[in-house]
PDB file of N, CA and C in Angstrom:
ATOM      1  N   MET A   1       0.810  -1.186   0.000  1.00  0.00           N
ATOM      2  CA  MET A   1       0.000   0.000   0.000  1.00  0.00           C
ATOM      3  C   MET A   1       0.864   1.265   0.000  1.00  0.00           C
ATOM      4  N   ASN A   2       2.005   1.192   0.688  1.00  0.00           N
ATOM      5  CA  ASN A   2       2.905   2.337   0.731  1.00  0.00           C
ATOM      6  C   ASN A   2       3.483   2.632  -0.651  1.00  0.00           C
ATOM      7  N   ARG A   3       3.777   1.547  -1.373  1.00  0.00           N
ATOM      8  CA  ARG A   3       4.316   1.739  -2.720  1.00  0.00           C
ATOM      9  C   ARG A   3       3.284   2.411  -3.620  1.00  0.00           C
ATOM     10  N   LEU A   4       2.062   1.993  -3.492  1.00  0.00           N
ATOM     11  CA  LEU A   4       0.983   2.580  -4.302  1.00  0.00           C
ATOM     12  C   LEU A   4       0.785   4.048  -3.945  1.00  0.00           C
ATOM     13  N   ALA A   5       0.854   4.378  -2.677  1.00  0.00           N
ATOM     14  CA  ALA A   5       0.706   5.763  -2.249  1.00  0.00           C
ATOM     15  C   ALA A   5       1.897   6.601  -2.735  1.00  0.00           C
ATOM     16  N   ALA A   6       3.106   6.030  -2.670  1.00  0.00           N
ATOM     17  CA  ALA A   6       4.291   6.756  -3.120  1.00  0.00           C
ATOM     18  C   ALA A   6       4.220   6.991  -4.630  1.00  0.00           C
ATOM     19  N   LEU A   7       3.766   5.982  -5.372  1.00  0.00           N
ATOM     20  CA  LEU A   7       3.625   6.122  -6.822  1.00  0.00           C
ATOM     21  C   LEU A   7       2.573   7.177  -7.166  1.00  0.00           C
ATOM     22  N   ALA A   8       1.476   7.177  -6.462  1.00  0.00           N
ATOM     23  CA  ALA A   8       0.429   8.168  -6.712  1.00  0.00           C
ATOM     24  C   ALA A   8       0.926   9.570  -6.370  1.00  0.00           C
ATOM     25  N   GLY A   9       1.676   9.696  -5.291  1.00  0.00           N
ATOM     26  CA  GLY A   9       2.223  10.997  -4.911  1.00  0.00           C
ATOM     27  C   GLY A   9       3.217  11.516  -5.953  1.00  0.00           C
ATOM     28  N   ALA A  10       4.044  10.623  -6.469  1.00  0.00           N
ATOM     29  CA  ALA A  10       5.011  11.021  -7.487  1.00  0.00           C
ATOM     30  C   ALA A  10       4.295  11.465  -8.765  1.00  0.00           C
ATOM     31  N   LEU A  11       3.248  10.751  -9.132  1.00  0.00           N
ATOM     32  CA  LEU A  11       2.486  11.139 -10.319  1.00  0.00           C
ATOM     33  C   LEU A  11       1.810  12.490 -10.137  1.00  0.00           C
ATOM     34  N   VAL A  12       1.309  12.763  -8.943  1.00  0.00           N
ATOM     35  CA  VAL A  12       0.682  14.057  -8.677  1.00  0.00           C
ATOM     36  C   VAL A  12       1.715  15.179  -8.779  1.00  0.00           C
ATOM     37  N   LEU A  13       2.935  14.958  -8.251  1.00  0.00           N
ATOM     38  CA  LEU A  13       3.975  15.988  -8.320  1.00  0.00           C
ATOM     39  C   LEU A  13       4.406  16.234  -9.771  1.00  0.00           C
ATOM     40  N   VAL A  14       4.570  15.166 -10.543  1.00  0.00           N
ATOM     41  CA  VAL A  14       4.968  15.328 -11.947  1.00  0.00           C
ATOM     42  C   VAL A  14       3.863  16.024 -12.727  1.00  0.00           C
ATOM     43  N   GLY A  15       2.625  15.658 -12.477  1.00  0.00           N
ATOM     44  CA  GLY A  15       1.495  16.286 -13.169  1.00  0.00           C
ATOM     45  C   GLY A  15       1.370  17.754 -12.833  1.00  0.00           C
ATOM     46  N   THR A  16       1.614  18.108 -11.580  1.00  0.00           N
ATOM     47  CA  THR A  16       1.544  19.512 -11.172  1.00  0.00           C
ATOM     48  C   THR A  16       2.644  20.321 -11.838  1.00  0.00           C
ATOM     49  N   GLY A  17       3.834  19.752 -11.901  1.00  0.00           N
ATOM     50  CA  GLY A  17       4.948  20.461 -12.530  1.00  0.00           C
ATOM     51  C   GLY A  17       4.722  20.664 -14.024  1.00  0.00           C
ATOM     52  N   SER A  18       4.173  19.651 -14.688  1.00  0.00           N
ATOM     53  CA  SER A  18       3.938  19.805 -16.129  1.00  0.00           C
ATOM     54  C   SER A  18       2.781  20.760 -16.392  1.00  0.00           C
ATOM     55  N   ALA A  19       1.798  20.801 -15.504  1.00  0.00           N
ATOM     56  CA  ALA A  19       0.700  21.743 -15.680  1.00  0.00           C
ATOM     57  C   ALA A  19       1.197  23.176 -15.525  1.00  0.00           C
ATOM     58  N   THR A  20       2.111  23.383 -14.588  1.00  0.00           N
ATOM     59  CA  THR A  20       2.670  24.715 -14.398  1.00  0.00           C
ATOM     60  C   THR A  20       3.484  25.134 -15.625  1.00  0.00           C
ATOM     61  N   ALA A  21       4.274  24.221 -16.163  1.00  0.00           N
ATOM     62  CA  ALA A  21       5.061  24.528 -17.352  1.00  0.00           C
ATOM     63  C   ALA A  21       4.140  24.786 -18.544  1.00  0.00           C
ATOM     64  N   GLY A  22       3.069  24.044 -18.660  1.00  0.00           N
ATOM     65  CA  GLY A  22       2.114  24.259 -19.744  1.00  0.00           C
ATOM     66  C   GLY A  22       1.416  25.597 -19.617  1.00  0.00           C
ATOM     67  N   ALA A  23       1.127  26.018 -18.402  1.00  0.00           N
ATOM     68  CA  ALA A  23       0.489  27.313 -18.195  1.00  0.00           C
ATOM     69  C   ALA A  23       1.447  28.438 -18.572  1.00  0.00           C
ATOM     70  N   ASP A  24       2.742  28.277 -18.278  1.00  0.00           N
ATOM     71  CA  ASP A  24       3.719  29.299 -18.660  1.00  0.00           C
ATOM     72  C   ASP A  24       3.820  29.416 -20.182  1.00  0.00           C
ATOM     73  N   GLU A  25       3.750  28.290 -20.881  1.00  0.00           N
ATOM     74  CA  GLU A  25       3.807  28.319 -22.345  1.00  0.00           C
ATOM     75  C   GLU A  25       2.573  29.000 -22.923  1.00  0.00           C
ATOM     76  N   ALA A  26       1.443  28.767 -22.330  1.00  0.00           N
ATOM     77  CA  ALA A  26       0.210  29.340 -22.853  1.00  0.00           C
ATOM     78  C   ALA A  26       0.181  30.851 -22.682  1.00  0.00           C
ATOM     79  N   LYS A  27       0.936  31.385 -21.738  1.00  0.00           N
ATOM     80  CA  LYS A  27       0.932  32.826 -21.501  1.00  0.00           C
ATOM     81  C   LYS A  27       1.706  33.595 -22.572  1.00  0.00           C
ATOM     82  N   SER A  28       2.656  32.954 -23.238  1.00  0.00           N
ATOM     83  CA  SER A  28       3.453  33.683 -24.230  1.00  0.00           C
ATOM     84  C   SER A  28       2.613  33.917 -25.484  1.00  0.00           C
ATOM     85  N   PRO A  29       2.597  35.150 -25.994  1.00  0.00           N
ATOM     86  CA  PRO A  29       1.780  35.438 -27.186  1.00  0.00           C
ATOM     87  C   PRO A  29       2.404  34.836 -28.447  1.00  0.00           C
ATOM     88  N   ILE A  30       1.543  34.351 -29.318  1.00  0.00           N
ATOM     89  CA  ILE A  30       1.990  33.799 -30.590  1.00  0.00           C
ATOM     90  C   ILE A  30       1.406  34.685 -31.686  1.00  0.00           C
ATOM     91  N   SER A  31       2.281  35.262 -32.494  1.00  0.00           N
ATOM     92  CA  SER A  31       1.818  36.137 -33.571  1.00  0.00           C
ATOM     93  C   SER A  31       2.074  35.475 -34.916  1.00  0.00           C
ATOM     94  N   ALA A  32       1.418  35.989 -35.934  1.00  0.00           N
ATOM     95  CA  ALA A  32       1.574  35.436 -37.277  1.00  0.00           C
ATOM     96  C   ALA A  32       2.995  35.644 -37.790  1.00  0.00           C
ATOM     97  N   SER A  33       3.604  36.774 -37.466  1.00  0.00           N
ATOM     98  CA  SER A  33       4.970  37.017 -37.936  1.00  0.00           C
ATOM     99  C   SER A  33       5.945  36.024 -37.314  1.00  0.00           C
ATOM    100  N   MET A  34       5.688  35.593 -36.080  1.00  0.00           N
ATOM    101  CA  MET A  34       6.542  34.602 -35.448  1.00  0.00           C
ATOM    102  C   MET A  34       6.438  33.263 -36.180  1.00  0.00           C
ATOM    103  N   LEU A  35       5.230  32.866 -36.529  1.00  0.00           N
ATOM    104  CA  LEU A  35       5.045  31.611 -37.258  1.00  0.00           C
ATOM    105  C   LEU A  35       5.667  31.686 -38.651  1.00  0.00           C
ATOM    106  N   LEU A  36       5.513  32.826 -39.315  1.00  0.00           N
ATOM    107  CA  LEU A  36       6.095  32.966 -40.652  1.00  0.00           C
ATOM    108  C   LEU A  36       7.616  32.960 -40.607  1.00  0.00           C
ATOM    109  N   SER A  37       8.199  33.525 -39.568  1.00  0.00           N
ATOM    110  CA  SER A  37       9.658  33.531 -39.474  1.00  0.00           C
ATOM    111  C   SER A  37      10.185  32.129 -39.201  1.00  0.00           C
ATOM    112  N   VAL A  38       9.395  31.278 -38.562  1.00  0.00           N
ATOM    113  CA  VAL A  38       9.821  29.912 -38.290  1.00  0.00           C
ATOM    114  C   VAL A  38       9.808  29.085 -39.568  1.00  0.00           C
ATOM    115  N   VAL A  39       8.788  29.251 -40.413  1.00  0.00           N
ATOM    116  CA  VAL A  39       8.657  28.426 -41.611  1.00  0.00           C
ATOM    117  C   VAL A  39       9.260  29.078 -42.856  1.00  0.00           C
ATOM    118  N   ALA A  40       9.787  30.283 -42.752  1.00  0.00           N
ATOM    119  CA  ALA A  40      10.349  30.971 -43.919  1.00  0.00           C
ATOM    120  C   ALA A  40      11.657  30.304 -44.340  1.00  0.00           C
ATOM    121  N   PRO A  41      11.892  30.186 -45.654  1.00  0.00           N
ATOM    122  CA  PRO A  41      13.159  29.601 -46.105  1.00  0.00           C
ATOM    123  C   PRO A  41      14.319  30.557 -45.829  1.00  0.00           C
ATOM    124  N   VAL A  42      15.449  29.984 -45.530  1.00  0.00           N
ATOM    125  CA  VAL A  42      16.627  30.794 -45.249  1.00  0.00           C
ATOM    126  C   VAL A  42      17.238  31.204 -46.595  1.00  0.00           C
ATOM    127  N   SER A  43      17.402  32.495 -46.791  1.00  0.00           N
ATOM    128  CA  SER A  43      17.986  32.981 -48.044  1.00  0.00           C
ATOM    129  C   SER A  43      19.240  33.782 -47.721  1.00  0.00           C
ATOM    130  N   GLU A  44      20.148  33.767 -48.684  1.00  0.00           N
ATOM    131  CA  GLU A  44      21.384  34.497 -48.463  1.00  0.00           C
ATOM    132  C   GLU A  44      21.162  35.995 -48.678  1.00  0.00           C
ATOM    133  N   SER A  45      22.048  36.782 -48.142  1.00  0.00           N
ATOM    134  CA  SER A  45      21.897  38.230 -48.243  1.00  0.00           C
ATOM    135  C   SER A  45      22.137  38.691 -49.678  1.00  0.00           C
ATOM    136  N   ARG A  46      21.715  39.898 -49.976  1.00  0.00           N
ATOM    137  CA  ARG A  46      21.854  40.455 -51.320  1.00  0.00           C
ATOM    138  C   ARG A  46      23.316  40.554 -51.724  1.00  0.00           C
ATOM    139  N   ASP A  47      24.159  41.001 -50.807  1.00  0.00           N
ATOM    140  CA  ASP A  47      25.587  41.155 -51.107  1.00  0.00           C
ATOM    141  C   ASP A  47      26.248  39.798 -51.377  1.00  0.00           C
ATOM    142  N   ALA A  48      25.902  38.792 -50.581  1.00  0.00           N
ATOM    143  CA  ALA A  48      26.492  37.465 -50.778  1.00  0.00           C
ATOM    144  C   ALA A  48      26.048  36.869 -52.107  1.00  0.00           C
ATOM    145  N   ALA A  49      24.782  37.067 -52.480  1.00  0.00           N
ATOM    146  CA  ALA A  49      24.281  36.547 -53.758  1.00  0.00           C
ATOM    147  C   ALA A  49      24.972  37.260 -54.924  1.00  0.00           C
ATOM    148  N   PHE A  50      25.168  38.560 -54.811  1.00  0.00           N
ATOM    149  CA  PHE A  50      25.850  39.310 -55.869  1.00  0.00           C
ATOM    150  C   PHE A  50      27.295  38.855 -56.019  1.00  0.00           C
ATOM    151  N   ASP A  51      28.001  38.686 -54.903  1.00  0.00           N
ATOM    152  CA  ASP A  51      29.389  38.232 -54.955  1.00  0.00           C
ATOM    153  C   ASP A  51      29.497  36.846 -55.582  1.00  0.00           C
ATOM    154  N   ARG A  52      28.569  35.944 -55.241  1.00  0.00           N
ATOM    155  CA  ARG A  52      28.581  34.597 -55.804  1.00  0.00           C
ATOM    156  C   ARG A  52      28.311  34.642 -57.306  1.00  0.00           C
ATOM    157  N   ALA A  53      27.381  35.504 -57.737  1.00  0.00           N
ATOM    158  CA  ALA A  53      27.055  35.600 -59.162  1.00  0.00           C
ATOM    159  C   ALA A  53      28.213  36.187 -59.958  1.00  0.00           C
ATOM    160  N   VAL A  54      28.963  37.095 -59.369  1.00  0.00           N
ATOM    161  CA  VAL A  54      30.097  37.696 -60.065  1.00  0.00           C
ATOM    162  C   VAL A  54      31.215  36.673 -60.244  1.00  0.00           C
ATOM    163  N   LYS A  55      31.391  35.792 -59.271  1.00  0.00           N
ATOM    164  CA  LYS A  55      32.476  34.817 -59.324  1.00  0.00           C
ATOM    165  C   LYS A  55      32.167  33.649 -60.263  1.00  0.00           C
ATOM    166  N   GLU A  56      30.892  33.363 -60.535  1.00  0.00           N
ATOM    167  CA  GLU A  56      30.538  32.239 -61.397  1.00  0.00           C
ATOM    168  C   GLU A  56      30.929  32.548 -62.845  1.00  0.00           C
ATOM    169  N   PRO A  57      31.315  31.519 -63.599  1.00  0.00           N
ATOM    170  CA  PRO A  57      31.656  31.759 -65.009  1.00  0.00           C
ATOM    171  C   PRO A  57      30.414  32.128 -65.812  1.00  0.00           C
ATOM    172  N   ALA A  58      30.609  32.941 -66.831  1.00  0.00           N
ATOM    173  CA  ALA A  58      29.493  33.398 -67.658  1.00  0.00           C
ATOM    174  C   ALA A  58      29.042  32.274 -68.586  1.00  0.00           C
ATOM    175  N   ALA A  59      27.802  32.347 -69.028  1.00  0.00           N
ATOM    176  CA  ALA A  59      27.266  31.375 -69.966  1.00  0.00           C
ATOM    177  C   ALA A  59      27.943  31.566 -71.322  1.00  0.00           C
ATOM    178  N   PRO A  60      28.138  30.485 -72.074  1.00  0.00           N
ATOM    179  CA  PRO A  60      28.773  30.643 -73.389  1.00  0.00           C
ATOM    180  C   PRO A  60      27.884  31.470 -74.313  1.00  0.00           C
ATOM    181  N   ALA A  61      28.519  32.251 -75.171  1.00  0.00           N
ATOM    182  CA  ALA A  61      27.781  33.116 -76.088  1.00  0.00           C
ATOM    183  C   ALA A  61      27.051  32.266 -77.123  1.00  0.00           C
ATOM    184  N   ARG A  62      25.825  32.642 -77.436  1.00  0.00           N
ATOM    185  CA  ARG A  62      25.051  31.917 -78.431  1.00  0.00           C
ATOM    186  C   ARG A  62      25.364  32.441 -79.819  1.00  0.00           C
ATOM    187  N   ARG A  63      25.266  31.535 -80.760  1.00  0.00           N
ATOM    188  CA  ARG A  63      25.452  31.944 -82.146  1.00  0.00           C
ATOM    189  C   ARG A  63      24.206  32.688 -82.604  1.00  0.00           C
ATOM    190  N   PRO A  64      24.375  33.836 -83.267  1.00  0.00           N
ATOM    191  CA  PRO A  64      23.189  34.585 -83.695  1.00  0.00           C
ATOM    192  C   PRO A  64      22.418  33.880 -84.809  1.00  0.00           C
ATOM    193  N   ASP A  65      23.129  33.089 -85.627  1.00  0.00           N
ATOM    194  CA  ASP A  65      22.434  32.372 -86.684  1.00  0.00           C
ATOM    195  C   ASP A  65      22.141  30.952 -86.210  1.00  0.00           C
ATOM    196  N   GLY A  66      21.076  30.372 -86.704  1.00  0.00           N
ATOM    197  CA  GLY A  66      20.698  29.036 -86.287  1.00  0.00           C
ATOM    198  C   GLY A  66      21.451  27.960 -87.055  1.00  0.00           C
ATOM    199  N   GLU A  67      21.410  26.766 -86.504  1.00  0.00           N
ATOM    200  CA  GLU A  67      22.019  25.621 -87.177  1.00  0.00           C
ATOM    201  C   GLU A  67      20.924  24.883 -87.935  1.00  0.00           C
ATOM    202  N   LEU A  68      21.115  24.668 -89.222  1.00  0.00           N
ATOM    203  CA  LEU A  68      20.148  23.955 -90.035  1.00  0.00           C
ATOM    204  C   LEU A  68      20.326  22.461 -89.804  1.00  0.00           C
ATOM    205  N   GLN A  69      19.242  21.781 -89.392  1.00  0.00           N
ATOM    206  CA  GLN A  69      19.264  20.357 -89.126  1.00  0.00           C
ATOM    207  C   GLN A  69      18.946  19.585 -90.406  1.00  0.00           C
ATOM    208  N   PRO A  70      19.303  18.295 -90.484  1.00  0.00           N
ATOM    209  CA  PRO A  70      19.050  17.517 -91.704  1.00  0.00           C
ATOM    210  C   PRO A  70      17.567  17.393 -92.065  1.00  0.00           C
ATOM    211  N   ASP A  71      16.666  17.464 -91.080  1.00  0.00           N
ATOM    212  CA  ASP A  71      15.241  17.319 -91.389  1.00  0.00           C
ATOM    213  C   ASP A  71      14.580  18.638 -91.773  1.00  0.00           C
ATOM    214  N   GLY A  72      15.335  19.715 -91.879  1.00  0.00           N
ATOM    215  CA  GLY A  72      14.794  20.998 -92.308  1.00  0.00           C
ATOM    216  C   GLY A  72      14.474  21.946 -91.178  1.00  0.00           C
ATOM    217  N   THR A  73      14.591  21.514 -89.945  1.00  0.00           N
ATOM    218  CA  THR A  73      14.340  22.404 -88.819  1.00  0.00           C
ATOM    219  C   THR A  73      15.583  23.247 -88.556  1.00  0.00           C
ATOM    220  N   VAL A  74      15.395  24.301 -87.793  1.00  0.00           N
ATOM    221  CA  VAL A  74      16.496  25.190 -87.434  1.00  0.00           C
ATOM    222  C   VAL A  74      16.624  25.192 -85.925  1.00  0.00           C
ATOM    223  N   ARG A  75      17.850  25.039 -85.417  1.00  0.00           N
ATOM    224  CA  ARG A  75      18.079  25.019 -83.978  1.00  0.00           C
ATOM    225  C   ARG A  75      18.781  26.300 -83.564  1.00  0.00           C
ATOM    226  N   TYR A  76      18.162  27.032 -82.610  1.00  0.00           N
ATOM    227  CA  TYR A  76      18.749  28.226 -82.003  1.00  0.00           C
ATOM    228  C   TYR A  76      19.054  27.886 -80.554  1.00  0.00           C
ATOM    229  N   GLY A  77      20.268  27.512 -80.236  1.00  0.00           N
ATOM    230  CA  GLY A  77      20.612  27.113 -78.873  1.00  0.00           C
ATOM    231  C   GLY A  77      19.893  25.818 -78.527  1.00  0.00           C
ATOM    232  N   SER A  78      19.007  25.865 -77.529  1.00  0.00           N
ATOM    233  CA  SER A  78      18.262  24.676 -77.137  1.00  0.00           C
ATOM    234  C   SER A  78      16.851  24.674 -77.717  1.00  0.00           C
ATOM    235  N   VAL A  79      16.509  25.656 -78.541  1.00  0.00           N
ATOM    236  CA  VAL A  79      15.178  25.771 -79.122  1.00  0.00           C
ATOM    237  C   VAL A  79      15.230  25.315 -80.575  1.00  0.00           C
ATOM    238  N   THR A  80      14.301  24.444 -80.952  1.00  0.00           N
ATOM    239  CA  THR A  80      14.208  23.980 -82.333  1.00  0.00           C
ATOM    240  C   THR A  80      12.937  24.528 -82.942  1.00  0.00           C
ATOM    241  N   ILE A  81      13.035  25.128 -84.132  1.00  0.00           N
ATOM    242  CA  ILE A  81      11.888  25.728 -84.806  1.00  0.00           C
ATOM    243  C   ILE A  81      11.631  24.969 -86.093  1.00  0.00           C
ATOM    244  N   THR A  82      10.371  24.559 -86.287  1.00  0.00           N
ATOM    245  CA  THR A  82       9.963  23.881 -87.503  1.00  0.00           C
ATOM    246  C   THR A  82       8.953  24.763 -88.214  1.00  0.00           C
ATOM    247  N   VAL A  83       9.179  25.064 -89.491  1.00  0.00           N
ATOM    248  CA  VAL A  83       8.261  25.880 -90.283  1.00  0.00           C
ATOM    249  C   VAL A  83       7.618  24.962 -91.310  1.00  0.00           C
ATOM    250  N   ARG A  84       6.287  24.913 -91.297  1.00  0.00           N
ATOM    251  CA  ARG A  84       5.562  24.072 -92.237  1.00  0.00           C
ATOM    252  C   ARG A  84       4.680  24.947 -93.105  1.00  0.00           C
ATOM    253  N   ASN A  85       4.458  24.534 -94.322  1.00  0.00           N
ATOM    254  CA  ASN A  85       3.585  25.254 -95.236  1.00  0.00           C
ATOM    255  C   ASN A  85       2.153  24.783 -94.991  1.00  0.00           C
ATOM    256  N   PRO A  86       1.256  25.655 -94.497  1.00  0.00           N
ATOM    257  CA  PRO A  86      -0.104  25.216 -94.197  1.00  0.00           C
ATOM    258  C   PRO A  86      -0.968  25.046 -95.449  1.00  0.00           C
ATOM    259  N   CYS A  87      -0.530  25.556 -96.588  1.00  0.00           N
ATOM    260  CA  CYS A  87      -1.331  25.470 -97.811  1.00  0.00           C
ATOM    261  C   CYS A  87      -1.044  24.162 -98.542  1.00  0.00           C
ATOM    262  N   PRO A  88      -2.082  23.435 -98.970  1.00  0.00           N
ATOM    263  CA  PRO A  88      -1.838  22.240 -99.769  1.00  0.00           C
ATOM    264  C   PRO A  88      -1.283  22.633-101.131  1.00  0.00           C
ATOM    265  N   PRO A  89      -0.570  21.746-101.787  1.00  0.00           N
ATOM    266  CA  PRO A  89       0.011  22.090-103.085  1.00  0.00           C
ATOM    267  C   PRO A  89      -1.065  22.382-104.125  1.00  0.00           C
ATOM    268  N   GLY A  90      -0.829  23.378-104.954  1.00  0.00           N
ATOM    269  CA  GLY A  90      -1.751  23.726-106.036  1.00  0.00           C
ATOM    270  C   GLY A  90      -2.716  24.837-105.689  1.00  0.00           C
ATOM    271  N   ILE A  91      -3.085  25.012-104.448  1.00  0.00           N
ATOM    272  CA  ILE A  91      -4.069  26.044-104.075  1.00  0.00           C
ATOM    273  C   ILE A  91      -3.395  27.398-103.870  1.00  0.00           C
ATOM    274  N   HIS A  92      -2.135  27.399-103.543  1.00  0.00           N
ATOM    275  CA  HIS A  92      -1.461  28.639-103.189  1.00  0.00           C
ATOM    276  C   HIS A  92      -1.447  29.646-104.345  1.00  0.00           C
ATOM    277  N   TYR A  93      -1.322  29.191-105.597  1.00  0.00           N
ATOM    278  CA  TYR A  93      -1.208  30.113-106.713  1.00  0.00           C
ATOM    279  C   TYR A  93      -2.516  30.284-107.483  1.00  0.00           C
ATOM    280  N   GLU A  94      -3.552  29.519-107.170  1.00  0.00           N
ATOM    281  CA  GLU A  94      -4.839  29.652-107.849  1.00  0.00           C
ATOM    282  C   GLU A  94      -5.709  30.645-107.097  1.00  0.00           C
ATOM    283  N   PRO A  95      -6.459  31.485-107.822  1.00  0.00           N
ATOM    284  CA  PRO A  95      -7.363  32.408-107.104  1.00  0.00           C
ATOM    285  C   PRO A  95      -8.508  31.613-106.484  1.00  0.00           C
ATOM    286  N   PRO A  96      -9.027  32.069-105.358  1.00  0.00           N
ATOM    287  CA  PRO A  96     -10.134  31.340-104.728  1.00  0.00           C
ATOM    288  C   PRO A  96     -11.408  31.483-105.587  1.00  0.00           C
ATOM    289  N   PRO A  97     -12.300  30.509-105.518  1.00  0.00           N
ATOM    290  CA  PRO A  97     -13.539  30.612-106.303  1.00  0.00           C
ATOM    291  C   PRO A  97     -14.423  31.736-105.789  1.00  0.00           C
ATOM    292  N   LEU A  98     -15.246  32.293-106.658  1.00  0.00           N
ATOM    293  CA  LEU A  98     -16.175  33.350-106.259  1.00  0.00           C
ATOM    294  C   LEU A  98     -17.272  32.749-105.369  1.00  0.00           C
ATOM    295  N   PRO A  99     -17.838  33.539-104.513  1.00  0.00           N
ATOM    296  CA  PRO A  99     -18.876  33.025-103.630  1.00  0.00           C
ATOM    297  C   PRO A  99     -20.094  32.558-104.430  1.00  0.00           C
ATOM    298  N   GLY A 100     -20.653  31.430-104.029  1.00  0.00           N
ATOM    299  CA  GLY A 100     -21.846  30.907-104.683  1.00  0.00           C
ATOM    300  C   GLY A 100     -21.558  30.129-105.944  1.00  0.00           C
ATOM    301  N   ARG A 101     -20.331  30.076-106.407  1.00  0.00           N
ATOM    302  CA  ARG A 101     -19.968  29.331-107.607  1.00  0.00           C
ATOM    303  C   ARG A 101     -19.373  27.989-107.232  1.00  0.00           C
ATOM    304  N   VAL A 102     -19.675  26.992-108.027  1.00  0.00           N
ATOM    305  CA  VAL A 102     -19.133  25.670-107.793  1.00  0.00           C
ATOM    306  C   VAL A 102     -17.817  25.548-108.513  1.00  0.00           C
ATOM    307  N   ARG A 103     -16.870  25.014-107.877  1.00  0.00           N
ATOM    308  CA  ARG A 103     -15.547  24.825-108.466  1.00  0.00           C
ATOM    309  C   ARG A 103     -15.586  23.637-109.415  1.00  0.00           C
ATOM    310  N   LYS A 104     -15.022  23.781-110.607  1.00  0.00           N
ATOM    311  CA  LYS A 104     -15.017  22.681-111.590  1.00  0.00           C
ATOM    312  C   LYS A 104     -13.745  21.919-111.546  1.00  0.00           C
TER     313      LYS A 104
END
């Protein structure tokens, strides 16, 4: 019985101490700026970013003219451009039919 009483007394003391600590935590104000500062990503300062960018090697200069590929496309750096003729053959040089007339 003494052991049970001692165990219960110890639990009461631990519970009282944790309740007091919890009450102290609840008293501190929590603001939105505090939460945002905790979850905000860490970024380097403007001066450090500028110094790092100055020290990095520059990108290679691009050729102003494109490279003609075997399939007829033109490559400008990493961009490939394909130009297709939207007009079917034969229609491009013929005048369009007049409205209401049937084409022969």
